[in-house]
Amino acid sequence: MEEQLKTGTTTVAMVCKDGVVLAADKRATAGSMVVDKRADKTHIITDDIAVTIAGSVSDAQLIIKLIRAELKLKEVRTNKRCTAKEAANLLGGILYGNLRRMSMYPGIAHFLMGAKDADGVHLYDLFPDGSVTKIRDFVSSGSGSVFAYGVLETQYRQDMSVSDGVKLAVKCVNTALQRDTYSGNGIDVVVVTDKEIKRVMAKEVEINLEAR
C-alpha cells in the first residue's frame, strides 16, 4: 500500500541560454508519513534525455523502465536516436494509457523532460493525462511547486547561464523545503547541455536535534 501511495514532491526545470536545468527534492511520503529520505526524483534515461518525477512512485518507476526500453528498441529498429520531440511524444503516449487503465489505484505520474538532439536542447512538461507541452522558460511540479513558482516568477531570466540556473533551481527547491511538508531531505540537480547530461548536485539534508 505504501509503495502505491508515495506522493508529494517539488521539481523544477528551466531553460537557460546554454542548456536546461532539472532539480528535485529527495523526500517520498505516504500521506503525512515520510517513508523515504533518499528518493531519486531525477533520472538520466539515455545519453540524450533526463527527467524529473512527481506523483505515484510505483507508476513513475515502471514508466521509466518502459520508456528506456522503448527508446532503445526504436533506436535498434531505425538505426538512429530519437529526437527530443519523438521521445516526449512517446512518453506522453505511455502516460495517456497509464492514467486510463482500469485499476484500484489511479496511475498519476508527472514528468519534466530535458533532452538534447541535433536541433539543440529542449524542455517538455508531460502531465499525468498524457499532454505534452514544450516549455520555453520554466516549469515546476508537485506539492511544493506553488512555492517554487513564487521564486521563478520573480528571479528567472531567459538570458541566464546554466550555472546561474543551477543556483536558482536550488533556491526554488530550498524554498519549498522550508514550507511544504511533503518536500525535503535534500536536492538533486541535473544539467542538460548540447554536449552532455550531467548530475551536478546530489545533496542530502538531515536535521538532528540533541538535548543539552
N, C-alpha and C. Protein backbone atom coordinates (compact mmCIF):
# COMPACT_ATOMS: atom_id res chain seq x y z
N MET A 1 0.83 -1.20 0.00
CA MET A 1 0.00 0.00 0.00
C MET A 1 0.87 1.26 0.00
N GLU A 2 1.91 1.30 0.86
CA GLU A 2 2.76 2.49 0.93
C GLU A 2 3.46 2.75 -0.40
N GLU A 3 3.90 1.67 -1.08
CA GLU A 3 4.55 1.85 -2.37
C GLU A 3 3.60 2.50 -3.37
N GLN A 4 2.30 2.15 -3.28
CA GLN A 4 1.31 2.71 -4.20
C GLN A 4 1.05 4.18 -3.89
N LEU A 5 1.15 4.57 -2.62
CA LEU A 5 0.68 5.89 -2.21
C LEU A 5 1.78 6.92 -2.00
N LYS A 6 3.03 6.58 -2.31
CA LYS A 6 4.10 7.57 -2.15
C LYS A 6 3.85 8.76 -3.07
N THR A 7 3.62 9.92 -2.50
CA THR A 7 3.38 11.13 -3.30
C THR A 7 4.02 12.33 -2.61
N GLY A 8 3.95 13.46 -3.26
CA GLY A 8 4.47 14.69 -2.68
C GLY A 8 5.88 14.94 -3.12
N THR A 9 6.14 16.12 -3.67
CA THR A 9 7.49 16.41 -4.17
C THR A 9 7.57 17.87 -4.60
N THR A 10 8.78 18.30 -4.93
CA THR A 10 8.99 19.58 -5.61
C THR A 10 10.00 19.36 -6.71
N THR A 11 9.61 19.57 -7.95
CA THR A 11 10.55 19.52 -9.06
C THR A 11 10.52 20.85 -9.80
N VAL A 12 11.66 21.21 -10.35
CA VAL A 12 11.81 22.48 -11.06
C VAL A 12 12.63 22.23 -12.32
N ALA A 13 12.27 22.89 -13.40
CA ALA A 13 13.06 22.83 -14.62
C ALA A 13 13.02 24.19 -15.30
N MET A 14 14.13 24.57 -15.90
CA MET A 14 14.17 25.88 -16.58
C MET A 14 15.10 25.84 -17.78
N VAL A 15 14.77 26.67 -18.76
CA VAL A 15 15.58 26.81 -19.96
C VAL A 15 16.56 27.95 -19.76
N CYS A 16 17.84 27.67 -19.94
CA CYS A 16 18.88 28.70 -19.86
C CYS A 16 19.48 28.91 -21.26
N LYS A 17 20.31 29.91 -21.39
CA LYS A 17 20.84 30.21 -22.72
C LYS A 17 21.77 29.13 -23.25
N ASP A 18 22.34 28.31 -22.36
CA ASP A 18 23.26 27.27 -22.79
C ASP A 18 22.86 25.87 -22.32
N GLY A 19 21.57 25.69 -21.97
CA GLY A 19 21.13 24.36 -21.57
C GLY A 19 19.84 24.38 -20.76
N VAL A 20 19.53 23.23 -20.18
CA VAL A 20 18.34 23.07 -19.34
C VAL A 20 18.76 22.55 -17.98
N VAL A 21 18.15 23.08 -16.93
CA VAL A 21 18.42 22.65 -15.56
C VAL A 21 17.20 21.94 -15.00
N LEU A 22 17.40 20.75 -14.41
CA LEU A 22 16.35 19.97 -13.76
C LEU A 22 16.72 19.78 -12.30
N ALA A 23 15.77 19.96 -11.38
CA ALA A 23 16.07 19.79 -9.96
C ALA A 23 14.86 19.22 -9.23
N ALA A 24 15.13 18.52 -8.13
CA ALA A 24 14.05 17.93 -7.33
C ALA A 24 14.53 17.68 -5.91
N ASP A 25 13.58 17.56 -5.00
CA ASP A 25 13.92 17.21 -3.62
C ASP A 25 14.06 15.69 -3.51
N LYS A 26 14.25 15.18 -2.28
CA LYS A 26 14.54 13.76 -2.11
C LYS A 26 13.56 13.04 -1.17
N ARG A 27 12.45 13.67 -0.80
CA ARG A 27 11.53 13.06 0.15
C ARG A 27 10.35 12.38 -0.55
N ALA A 28 10.05 11.15 -0.11
CA ALA A 28 8.85 10.45 -0.57
C ALA A 28 7.96 10.18 0.63
N THR A 29 6.66 10.41 0.46
CA THR A 29 5.74 10.30 1.59
C THR A 29 4.57 9.39 1.26
N ALA A 30 3.96 8.86 2.32
CA ALA A 30 2.69 8.13 2.21
C ALA A 30 1.74 8.84 3.16
N GLY A 31 0.90 9.70 2.61
CA GLY A 31 0.08 10.56 3.46
C GLY A 31 0.98 11.55 4.17
N SER A 32 0.91 11.58 5.50
CA SER A 32 1.74 12.51 6.27
C SER A 32 3.02 11.86 6.78
N MET A 33 3.25 10.59 6.44
CA MET A 33 4.44 9.89 6.92
C MET A 33 5.55 9.89 5.88
N VAL A 34 6.77 10.20 6.31
CA VAL A 34 7.93 10.14 5.43
C VAL A 34 8.39 8.69 5.36
N VAL A 35 8.37 8.12 4.15
CA VAL A 35 8.76 6.71 4.00
C VAL A 35 10.10 6.54 3.32
N ASP A 36 10.65 7.60 2.74
CA ASP A 36 11.97 7.51 2.10
C ASP A 36 12.61 8.89 2.10
N LYS A 37 13.81 8.98 2.68
CA LYS A 37 14.53 10.26 2.74
C LYS A 37 15.57 10.40 1.64
N ARG A 38 15.72 9.37 0.82
CA ARG A 38 16.73 9.39 -0.23
C ARG A 38 16.13 9.00 -1.58
N ALA A 39 14.91 9.42 -1.82
CA ALA A 39 14.24 9.09 -3.08
C ALA A 39 14.93 9.80 -4.25
N ASP A 40 15.11 9.08 -5.34
CA ASP A 40 15.73 9.65 -6.53
C ASP A 40 14.63 10.13 -7.47
N LYS A 41 14.49 11.44 -7.59
CA LYS A 41 13.43 12.01 -8.43
C LYS A 41 13.97 12.64 -9.71
N THR A 42 15.27 12.57 -9.91
CA THR A 42 15.87 12.98 -11.18
C THR A 42 16.53 11.74 -11.79
N HIS A 43 16.20 11.45 -13.04
CA HIS A 43 16.69 10.23 -13.67
C HIS A 43 17.28 10.56 -15.04
N ILE A 44 18.48 10.06 -15.30
CA ILE A 44 19.08 10.17 -16.63
C ILE A 44 18.66 8.92 -17.41
N ILE A 45 17.79 9.11 -18.40
CA ILE A 45 17.19 8.00 -19.13
C ILE A 45 18.14 7.44 -20.18
N THR A 46 18.71 8.32 -20.98
CA THR A 46 19.69 7.94 -22.00
C THR A 46 20.78 9.01 -22.00
N ASP A 47 21.71 8.90 -22.94
CA ASP A 47 22.74 9.93 -23.07
C ASP A 47 22.17 11.27 -23.53
N ASP A 48 20.90 11.27 -23.99
CA ASP A 48 20.28 12.48 -24.53
C ASP A 48 19.10 12.99 -23.72
N ILE A 49 18.64 12.21 -22.75
CA ILE A 49 17.37 12.52 -22.08
C ILE A 49 17.48 12.35 -20.57
N ALA A 50 16.94 13.33 -19.83
CA ALA A 50 16.83 13.24 -18.38
C ALA A 50 15.43 13.71 -17.98
N VAL A 51 14.91 13.19 -16.86
CA VAL A 51 13.57 13.56 -16.41
C VAL A 51 13.55 13.77 -14.91
N THR A 52 12.54 14.50 -14.45
CA THR A 52 12.19 14.52 -13.03
C THR A 52 10.83 13.85 -12.91
N ILE A 53 10.54 13.33 -11.71
CA ILE A 53 9.26 12.65 -11.50
C ILE A 53 8.52 13.26 -10.31
N ALA A 54 7.19 13.22 -10.40
CA ALA A 54 6.32 13.60 -9.28
C ALA A 54 5.08 12.72 -9.38
N GLY A 55 4.46 12.45 -8.24
CA GLY A 55 3.26 11.62 -8.23
C GLY A 55 3.52 10.28 -7.59
N SER A 56 2.86 9.25 -8.09
CA SER A 56 2.99 7.90 -7.55
C SER A 56 4.33 7.30 -7.95
N VAL A 57 5.13 6.92 -6.96
CA VAL A 57 6.46 6.41 -7.24
C VAL A 57 6.41 5.11 -8.03
N SER A 58 5.49 4.22 -7.68
CA SER A 58 5.42 2.94 -8.37
C SER A 58 5.14 3.13 -9.86
N ASP A 59 4.23 4.04 -10.20
CA ASP A 59 3.93 4.32 -11.60
C ASP A 59 5.14 4.94 -12.30
N ALA A 60 5.76 5.91 -11.65
CA ALA A 60 6.90 6.59 -12.26
C ALA A 60 8.05 5.63 -12.52
N GLN A 61 8.34 4.74 -11.56
CA GLN A 61 9.43 3.79 -11.73
C GLN A 61 9.17 2.84 -12.90
N LEU A 62 7.94 2.36 -13.01
CA LEU A 62 7.60 1.46 -14.11
C LEU A 62 7.68 2.18 -15.45
N ILE A 63 7.18 3.41 -15.49
CA ILE A 63 7.19 4.17 -16.75
C ILE A 63 8.62 4.46 -17.18
N ILE A 64 9.51 4.73 -16.24
CA ILE A 64 10.92 4.97 -16.57
C ILE A 64 11.53 3.72 -17.23
N LYS A 65 11.22 2.55 -16.69
CA LYS A 65 11.71 1.31 -17.30
C LYS A 65 11.14 1.13 -18.70
N LEU A 66 9.86 1.44 -18.87
CA LEU A 66 9.22 1.30 -20.17
C LEU A 66 9.80 2.25 -21.20
N ILE A 67 9.99 3.52 -20.82
CA ILE A 67 10.48 4.49 -21.80
C ILE A 67 11.93 4.19 -22.18
N ARG A 68 12.73 3.72 -21.23
CA ARG A 68 14.11 3.32 -21.56
C ARG A 68 14.10 2.19 -22.60
N ALA A 69 13.25 1.19 -22.35
CA ALA A 69 13.19 0.05 -23.27
C ALA A 69 12.66 0.47 -24.65
N GLU A 70 11.62 1.29 -24.67
CA GLU A 70 11.03 1.72 -25.94
C GLU A 70 12.00 2.57 -26.77
N LEU A 71 12.73 3.43 -26.09
CA LEU A 71 13.70 4.27 -26.81
C LEU A 71 14.83 3.43 -27.39
N LYS A 72 15.30 2.46 -26.61
CA LYS A 72 16.36 1.57 -27.10
C LYS A 72 15.86 0.74 -28.26
N LEU A 73 14.63 0.22 -28.15
CA LEU A 73 14.05 -0.58 -29.22
C LEU A 73 13.90 0.23 -30.50
N LYS A 74 13.44 1.46 -30.37
CA LYS A 74 13.26 2.33 -31.54
C LYS A 74 14.62 2.63 -32.20
N GLU A 75 15.65 2.82 -31.36
CA GLU A 75 16.98 3.10 -31.90
C GLU A 75 17.51 1.89 -32.67
N VAL A 76 17.29 0.68 -32.15
CA VAL A 76 17.73 -0.53 -32.83
C VAL A 76 17.00 -0.72 -34.15
N ARG A 77 15.69 -0.46 -34.14
CA ARG A 77 14.88 -0.66 -35.35
C ARG A 77 15.21 0.34 -36.44
N THR A 78 15.44 1.60 -36.06
CA THR A 78 15.64 2.66 -37.06
C THR A 78 17.11 3.00 -37.30
N ASN A 79 17.97 2.48 -36.42
CA ASN A 79 19.41 2.75 -36.51
C ASN A 79 19.74 4.23 -36.34
N LYS A 80 18.89 4.92 -35.56
CA LYS A 80 19.17 6.31 -35.22
C LYS A 80 18.48 6.66 -33.91
N ARG A 81 19.00 7.67 -33.23
CA ARG A 81 18.43 8.08 -31.96
C ARG A 81 17.16 8.90 -32.17
N CYS A 82 16.27 8.79 -31.19
CA CYS A 82 15.04 9.59 -31.23
C CYS A 82 15.36 11.07 -31.06
N THR A 83 14.60 11.92 -31.71
CA THR A 83 14.69 13.34 -31.43
C THR A 83 14.01 13.62 -30.09
N ALA A 84 14.23 14.80 -29.56
CA ALA A 84 13.62 15.17 -28.28
C ALA A 84 12.09 15.14 -28.40
N LYS A 85 11.56 15.63 -29.51
CA LYS A 85 10.11 15.65 -29.70
C LYS A 85 9.54 14.24 -29.79
N GLU A 86 10.23 13.34 -30.48
CA GLU A 86 9.76 11.95 -30.58
C GLU A 86 9.74 11.29 -29.21
N ALA A 87 10.79 11.52 -28.42
CA ALA A 87 10.86 10.93 -27.08
C ALA A 87 9.75 11.47 -26.18
N ALA A 88 9.51 12.77 -26.27
CA ALA A 88 8.45 13.38 -25.45
C ALA A 88 7.08 12.83 -25.83
N ASN A 89 6.82 12.70 -27.12
CA ASN A 89 5.53 12.17 -27.56
C ASN A 89 5.36 10.70 -27.17
N LEU A 90 6.46 9.94 -27.21
CA LEU A 90 6.40 8.54 -26.80
C LEU A 90 6.06 8.43 -25.32
N LEU A 91 6.71 9.24 -24.50
CA LEU A 91 6.42 9.24 -23.07
C LEU A 91 5.00 9.73 -22.80
N GLY A 92 4.56 10.74 -23.54
CA GLY A 92 3.19 11.23 -23.40
C GLY A 92 2.16 10.15 -23.68
N GLY A 93 2.43 9.32 -24.69
CA GLY A 93 1.52 8.23 -25.02
C GLY A 93 1.45 7.19 -23.90
N ILE A 94 2.59 6.90 -23.28
CA ILE A 94 2.61 5.96 -22.16
C ILE A 94 1.82 6.53 -20.99
N LEU A 95 1.98 7.82 -20.71
CA LEU A 95 1.24 8.45 -19.62
C LEU A 95 -0.26 8.46 -19.90
N TYR A 96 -0.64 8.70 -21.14
CA TYR A 96 -2.05 8.69 -21.52
C TYR A 96 -2.69 7.34 -21.19
N GLY A 97 -2.02 6.27 -21.57
CA GLY A 97 -2.54 4.94 -21.30
C GLY A 97 -2.50 4.59 -19.83
N ASN A 98 -1.47 5.07 -19.13
CA ASN A 98 -1.32 4.76 -17.70
C ASN A 98 -2.47 5.31 -16.88
N LEU A 99 -2.88 6.54 -17.16
CA LEU A 99 -3.95 7.17 -16.38
C LEU A 99 -5.31 6.52 -16.65
N ARG A 100 -5.48 5.98 -17.86
CA ARG A 100 -6.81 5.50 -18.27
C ARG A 100 -6.99 3.98 -18.12
N ARG A 101 -6.00 3.28 -17.64
CA ARG A 101 -6.18 1.84 -17.45
C ARG A 101 -7.03 1.56 -16.21
N MET A 102 -7.74 0.47 -16.24
CA MET A 102 -8.59 0.08 -15.12
C MET A 102 -7.70 -0.37 -13.95
N SER A 103 -7.89 0.25 -12.79
CA SER A 103 -7.07 -0.10 -11.63
C SER A 103 -7.73 0.41 -10.36
N MET A 104 -7.43 -0.25 -9.24
CA MET A 104 -7.91 0.23 -7.95
C MET A 104 -7.22 1.54 -7.56
N TYR A 105 -6.01 1.72 -8.10
CA TYR A 105 -5.25 2.93 -7.80
C TYR A 105 -5.02 3.71 -9.09
N PRO A 106 -5.45 4.96 -9.16
CA PRO A 106 -5.23 5.73 -10.39
C PRO A 106 -3.74 5.96 -10.63
N GLY A 107 -3.32 5.77 -11.88
CA GLY A 107 -1.91 5.96 -12.21
C GLY A 107 -1.62 7.42 -12.45
N ILE A 108 -0.96 8.07 -11.50
CA ILE A 108 -0.67 9.50 -11.62
C ILE A 108 0.83 9.72 -11.54
N ALA A 109 1.42 10.15 -12.64
CA ALA A 109 2.85 10.44 -12.67
C ALA A 109 3.08 11.64 -13.57
N HIS A 110 3.84 12.61 -13.09
CA HIS A 110 4.11 13.86 -13.80
C HIS A 110 5.61 13.92 -14.08
N PHE A 111 5.97 14.13 -15.33
CA PHE A 111 7.37 14.17 -15.74
C PHE A 111 7.74 15.54 -16.31
N LEU A 112 8.93 15.99 -16.00
CA LEU A 112 9.56 17.11 -16.70
C LEU A 112 10.76 16.53 -17.44
N MET A 113 10.86 16.76 -18.73
CA MET A 113 11.90 16.14 -19.55
C MET A 113 12.84 17.19 -20.15
N GLY A 114 14.13 17.03 -19.90
CA GLY A 114 15.15 17.81 -20.58
C GLY A 114 15.84 16.89 -21.57
N ALA A 115 15.99 17.33 -22.82
CA ALA A 115 16.56 16.46 -23.85
C ALA A 115 17.39 17.27 -24.84
N LYS A 116 18.37 16.60 -25.45
CA LYS A 116 19.18 17.25 -26.48
C LYS A 116 19.12 16.41 -27.75
N ASP A 117 19.19 17.10 -28.87
CA ASP A 117 19.27 16.43 -30.17
C ASP A 117 20.00 17.34 -31.14
N ALA A 118 19.92 17.04 -32.42
CA ALA A 118 20.65 17.83 -33.42
C ALA A 118 20.17 19.27 -33.49
N ASP A 119 18.96 19.54 -33.03
CA ASP A 119 18.40 20.89 -33.09
C ASP A 119 18.64 21.71 -31.82
N GLY A 120 19.31 21.12 -30.82
CA GLY A 120 19.60 21.86 -29.60
C GLY A 120 19.08 21.15 -28.36
N VAL A 121 18.82 21.96 -27.33
CA VAL A 121 18.36 21.43 -26.04
C VAL A 121 16.90 21.86 -25.84
N HIS A 122 16.07 20.95 -25.30
CA HIS A 122 14.64 21.19 -25.20
C HIS A 122 14.12 20.81 -23.82
N LEU A 123 13.01 21.44 -23.43
CA LEU A 123 12.35 21.13 -22.17
C LEU A 123 10.86 20.88 -22.43
N TYR A 124 10.35 19.76 -21.88
CA TYR A 124 8.95 19.40 -22.05
C TYR A 124 8.30 19.13 -20.70
N ASP A 125 7.04 19.53 -20.60
CA ASP A 125 6.20 19.21 -19.44
C ASP A 125 5.24 18.11 -19.86
N LEU A 126 5.33 16.94 -19.22
CA LEU A 126 4.47 15.81 -19.56
C LEU A 126 3.54 15.55 -18.39
N PHE A 127 2.30 16.02 -18.54
CA PHE A 127 1.31 15.97 -17.47
C PHE A 127 0.77 14.54 -17.34
N PRO A 128 0.24 14.17 -16.17
CA PRO A 128 -0.28 12.81 -15.98
C PRO A 128 -1.35 12.39 -16.98
N ASP A 129 -2.07 13.35 -17.58
CA ASP A 129 -3.11 12.98 -18.54
C ASP A 129 -2.56 12.65 -19.93
N GLY A 130 -1.23 12.76 -20.10
CA GLY A 130 -0.62 12.44 -21.38
C GLY A 130 -0.34 13.64 -22.26
N SER A 131 -0.73 14.82 -21.83
CA SER A 131 -0.47 16.02 -22.64
C SER A 131 1.02 16.34 -22.64
N VAL A 132 1.49 16.86 -23.77
CA VAL A 132 2.91 17.19 -23.96
C VAL A 132 3.01 18.68 -24.29
N THR A 133 3.73 19.42 -23.45
CA THR A 133 3.86 20.87 -23.65
C THR A 133 5.33 21.24 -23.70
N LYS A 134 5.74 21.91 -24.77
CA LYS A 134 7.12 22.39 -24.84
C LYS A 134 7.23 23.67 -24.01
N ILE A 135 8.20 23.70 -23.12
CA ILE A 135 8.39 24.82 -22.22
C ILE A 135 9.53 25.70 -22.73
N ARG A 136 9.30 27.00 -22.78
CA ARG A 136 10.32 27.92 -23.30
C ARG A 136 10.98 28.74 -22.20
N ASP A 137 10.48 28.62 -20.96
CA ASP A 137 11.11 29.35 -19.86
C ASP A 137 11.30 28.45 -18.63
N PHE A 138 10.25 28.23 -17.85
CA PHE A 138 10.39 27.41 -16.64
C PHE A 138 9.09 26.70 -16.33
N VAL A 139 9.21 25.67 -15.48
CA VAL A 139 8.04 24.90 -15.06
C VAL A 139 8.38 24.22 -13.75
N SER A 140 7.35 23.95 -12.95
CA SER A 140 7.52 23.24 -11.69
C SER A 140 6.36 22.29 -11.49
N SER A 141 6.58 21.21 -10.75
CA SER A 141 5.52 20.25 -10.48
C SER A 141 5.60 19.77 -9.05
N GLY A 142 4.51 19.13 -8.60
CA GLY A 142 4.50 18.58 -7.25
C GLY A 142 3.86 19.48 -6.23
N SER A 143 3.78 18.97 -5.01
CA SER A 143 3.08 19.69 -3.94
C SER A 143 3.77 20.99 -3.55
N GLY A 144 5.08 21.09 -3.77
CA GLY A 144 5.80 22.31 -3.42
C GLY A 144 5.96 23.29 -4.55
N SER A 145 5.31 23.01 -5.70
CA SER A 145 5.51 23.86 -6.88
C SER A 145 5.01 25.28 -6.67
N VAL A 146 3.96 25.47 -5.85
CA VAL A 146 3.43 26.81 -5.62
C VAL A 146 4.49 27.72 -5.00
N PHE A 147 5.35 27.15 -4.15
CA PHE A 147 6.42 27.94 -3.54
C PHE A 147 7.55 28.17 -4.53
N ALA A 148 7.86 27.15 -5.33
CA ALA A 148 8.91 27.29 -6.34
C ALA A 148 8.55 28.34 -7.39
N TYR A 149 7.27 28.36 -7.78
CA TYR A 149 6.84 29.33 -8.79
C TYR A 149 7.00 30.76 -8.29
N GLY A 150 6.81 30.97 -6.99
CA GLY A 150 6.99 32.32 -6.45
C GLY A 150 8.40 32.84 -6.68
N VAL A 151 9.38 31.96 -6.55
CA VAL A 151 10.78 32.33 -6.78
C VAL A 151 11.04 32.49 -8.28
N LEU A 152 10.55 31.54 -9.07
CA LEU A 152 10.79 31.58 -10.51
C LEU A 152 10.20 32.82 -11.18
N GLU A 153 8.98 33.19 -10.78
CA GLU A 153 8.31 34.33 -11.40
C GLU A 153 9.07 35.64 -11.17
N THR A 154 9.79 35.72 -10.08
CA THR A 154 10.46 36.98 -9.74
C THR A 154 11.94 37.00 -10.11
N GLN A 155 12.57 35.82 -10.23
CA GLN A 155 14.03 35.81 -10.38
C GLN A 155 14.54 35.15 -11.66
N TYR A 156 13.67 34.46 -12.40
CA TYR A 156 14.12 33.81 -13.63
C TYR A 156 14.38 34.84 -14.73
N ARG A 157 15.47 34.62 -15.49
CA ARG A 157 15.79 35.44 -16.66
C ARG A 157 16.11 34.51 -17.83
N GLN A 158 15.65 34.84 -19.00
CA GLN A 158 15.86 33.97 -20.15
C GLN A 158 17.32 33.95 -20.60
N ASP A 159 18.07 34.98 -20.27
CA ASP A 159 19.47 35.03 -20.69
C ASP A 159 20.43 34.48 -19.64
N MET A 160 19.91 33.82 -18.61
CA MET A 160 20.78 33.33 -17.55
C MET A 160 21.55 32.09 -18.02
N SER A 161 22.76 31.91 -17.48
CA SER A 161 23.59 30.77 -17.82
C SER A 161 23.14 29.55 -17.02
N VAL A 162 23.65 28.38 -17.41
CA VAL A 162 23.32 27.15 -16.69
C VAL A 162 23.79 27.23 -15.24
N SER A 163 24.97 27.81 -15.02
CA SER A 163 25.49 27.91 -13.64
C SER A 163 24.57 28.77 -12.78
N ASP A 164 24.05 29.86 -13.34
CA ASP A 164 23.08 30.68 -12.61
C ASP A 164 21.75 29.95 -12.45
N GLY A 165 21.39 29.16 -13.46
CA GLY A 165 20.17 28.38 -13.39
C GLY A 165 20.21 27.34 -12.29
N VAL A 166 21.37 26.74 -12.08
CA VAL A 166 21.53 25.76 -11.00
C VAL A 166 21.31 26.44 -9.66
N LYS A 167 21.88 27.61 -9.48
CA LYS A 167 21.70 28.34 -8.22
C LYS A 167 20.24 28.69 -7.99
N LEU A 168 19.55 29.11 -9.05
CA LEU A 168 18.14 29.46 -8.92
C LEU A 168 17.30 28.22 -8.62
N ALA A 169 17.60 27.11 -9.29
CA ALA A 169 16.86 25.87 -9.05
C ALA A 169 17.01 25.41 -7.61
N VAL A 170 18.22 25.50 -7.08
CA VAL A 170 18.46 25.13 -5.68
C VAL A 170 17.67 26.04 -4.75
N LYS A 171 17.62 27.32 -5.08
CA LYS A 171 16.86 28.26 -4.26
C LYS A 171 15.37 27.94 -4.30
N CYS A 172 14.87 27.56 -5.47
CA CYS A 172 13.44 27.21 -5.61
C CYS A 172 13.10 26.00 -4.74
N VAL A 173 13.89 24.94 -4.88
CA VAL A 173 13.62 23.72 -4.12
C VAL A 173 13.79 23.97 -2.63
N ASN A 174 14.82 24.73 -2.27
CA ASN A 174 15.04 25.03 -0.86
C ASN A 174 13.88 25.82 -0.26
N THR A 175 13.31 26.73 -1.04
CA THR A 175 12.13 27.48 -0.57
C THR A 175 10.97 26.54 -0.29
N ALA A 176 10.75 25.59 -1.19
CA ALA A 176 9.69 24.60 -0.98
C ALA A 176 9.97 23.73 0.24
N LEU A 177 11.25 23.38 0.44
CA LEU A 177 11.62 22.57 1.60
C LEU A 177 11.24 23.24 2.91
N GLN A 178 11.30 24.58 2.92
CA GLN A 178 11.00 25.32 4.14
C GLN A 178 9.51 25.38 4.45
N ARG A 179 8.65 25.22 3.43
CA ARG A 179 7.22 25.44 3.60
C ARG A 179 6.33 24.24 3.28
N ASP A 180 6.80 23.33 2.44
CA ASP A 180 5.97 22.20 2.02
C ASP A 180 6.31 20.97 2.84
N THR A 181 5.34 20.43 3.56
CA THR A 181 5.55 19.27 4.42
C THR A 181 6.00 18.05 3.63
N TYR A 182 5.57 17.93 2.40
CA TYR A 182 5.82 16.73 1.62
C TYR A 182 7.11 16.80 0.80
N SER A 183 7.87 17.87 0.94
CA SER A 183 9.15 18.00 0.26
C SER A 183 10.26 18.13 1.30
N GLY A 184 11.43 17.57 0.99
CA GLY A 184 12.50 17.71 1.96
C GLY A 184 13.64 16.73 1.76
N ASN A 185 14.57 16.75 2.72
CA ASN A 185 15.67 15.80 2.87
C ASN A 185 16.80 15.91 1.85
N GLY A 186 16.75 16.87 0.95
CA GLY A 186 17.87 17.03 0.04
C GLY A 186 17.47 17.57 -1.32
N ILE A 187 18.47 17.77 -2.17
CA ILE A 187 18.26 18.33 -3.50
C ILE A 187 19.15 17.59 -4.50
N ASP A 188 18.57 17.21 -5.63
CA ASP A 188 19.31 16.67 -6.78
C ASP A 188 19.18 17.65 -7.94
N VAL A 189 20.27 17.87 -8.66
CA VAL A 189 20.24 18.77 -9.82
C VAL A 189 20.95 18.10 -11.00
N VAL A 190 20.30 18.11 -12.16
CA VAL A 190 20.87 17.58 -13.39
C VAL A 190 20.86 18.68 -14.44
N VAL A 191 21.95 18.78 -15.20
CA VAL A 191 22.07 19.79 -16.26
C VAL A 191 22.16 19.10 -17.62
N VAL A 192 21.39 19.61 -18.57
CA VAL A 192 21.40 19.11 -19.95
C VAL A 192 21.95 20.20 -20.85
N THR A 193 23.07 19.94 -21.52
CA THR A 193 23.62 20.87 -22.50
C THR A 193 23.70 20.16 -23.85
N ASP A 194 24.12 20.88 -24.87
CA ASP A 194 24.21 20.25 -26.19
C ASP A 194 25.35 19.24 -26.27
N LYS A 195 26.23 19.22 -25.26
CA LYS A 195 27.35 18.29 -25.24
C LYS A 195 27.13 17.09 -24.35
N GLU A 196 26.42 17.27 -23.22
CA GLU A 196 26.30 16.17 -22.26
C GLU A 196 25.13 16.39 -21.30
N ILE A 197 24.82 15.31 -20.57
CA ILE A 197 23.89 15.37 -19.45
C ILE A 197 24.68 14.99 -18.20
N LYS A 198 24.62 15.85 -17.19
CA LYS A 198 25.47 15.65 -16.01
C LYS A 198 24.72 15.96 -14.73
N ARG A 199 24.91 15.09 -13.73
CA ARG A 199 24.37 15.36 -12.39
C ARG A 199 25.37 16.26 -11.68
N VAL A 200 24.95 17.47 -11.34
CA VAL A 200 25.86 18.44 -10.76
C VAL A 200 25.70 18.59 -9.25
N MET A 201 24.60 18.04 -8.71
CA MET A 201 24.39 18.10 -7.26
C MET A 201 23.54 16.93 -6.80
N ALA A 202 23.96 16.33 -5.68
CA ALA A 202 23.17 15.28 -5.02
C ALA A 202 23.43 15.45 -3.53
N LYS A 203 22.66 16.32 -2.92
CA LYS A 203 22.92 16.71 -1.54
C LYS A 203 21.79 16.28 -0.62
N GLU A 204 22.15 15.58 0.45
CA GLU A 204 21.17 15.19 1.46
C GLU A 204 21.18 16.19 2.60
N VAL A 205 20.01 16.43 3.19
CA VAL A 205 19.88 17.36 4.30
C VAL A 205 19.27 16.61 5.47
N GLU A 206 19.97 16.54 6.57
CA GLU A 206 19.47 15.87 7.77
C GLU A 206 19.31 16.88 8.91
N ILE A 207 18.25 16.69 9.69
CA ILE A 207 18.03 17.55 10.86
C ILE A 207 18.13 16.69 12.11
N ASN A 208 19.12 16.94 12.94
CA ASN A 208 19.31 16.19 14.17
C ASN A 208 19.20 17.12 15.37
N LEU A 209 18.33 16.77 16.28
CA LEU A 209 18.14 17.59 17.49
C LEU A 209 18.67 16.82 18.69
N GLU A 210 19.51 17.44 19.48
CA GLU A 210 20.05 16.81 20.67
C GLU A 210 19.74 17.64 21.90
N ALA A 211 19.33 16.96 22.97
CA ALA A 211 19.08 17.67 24.23
C ALA A 211 20.39 18.05 24.88
N ARG A 212 20.40 19.22 25.48
CA ARG A 212 21.63 19.69 26.15
C ARG A 212 21.36 19.93 27.63
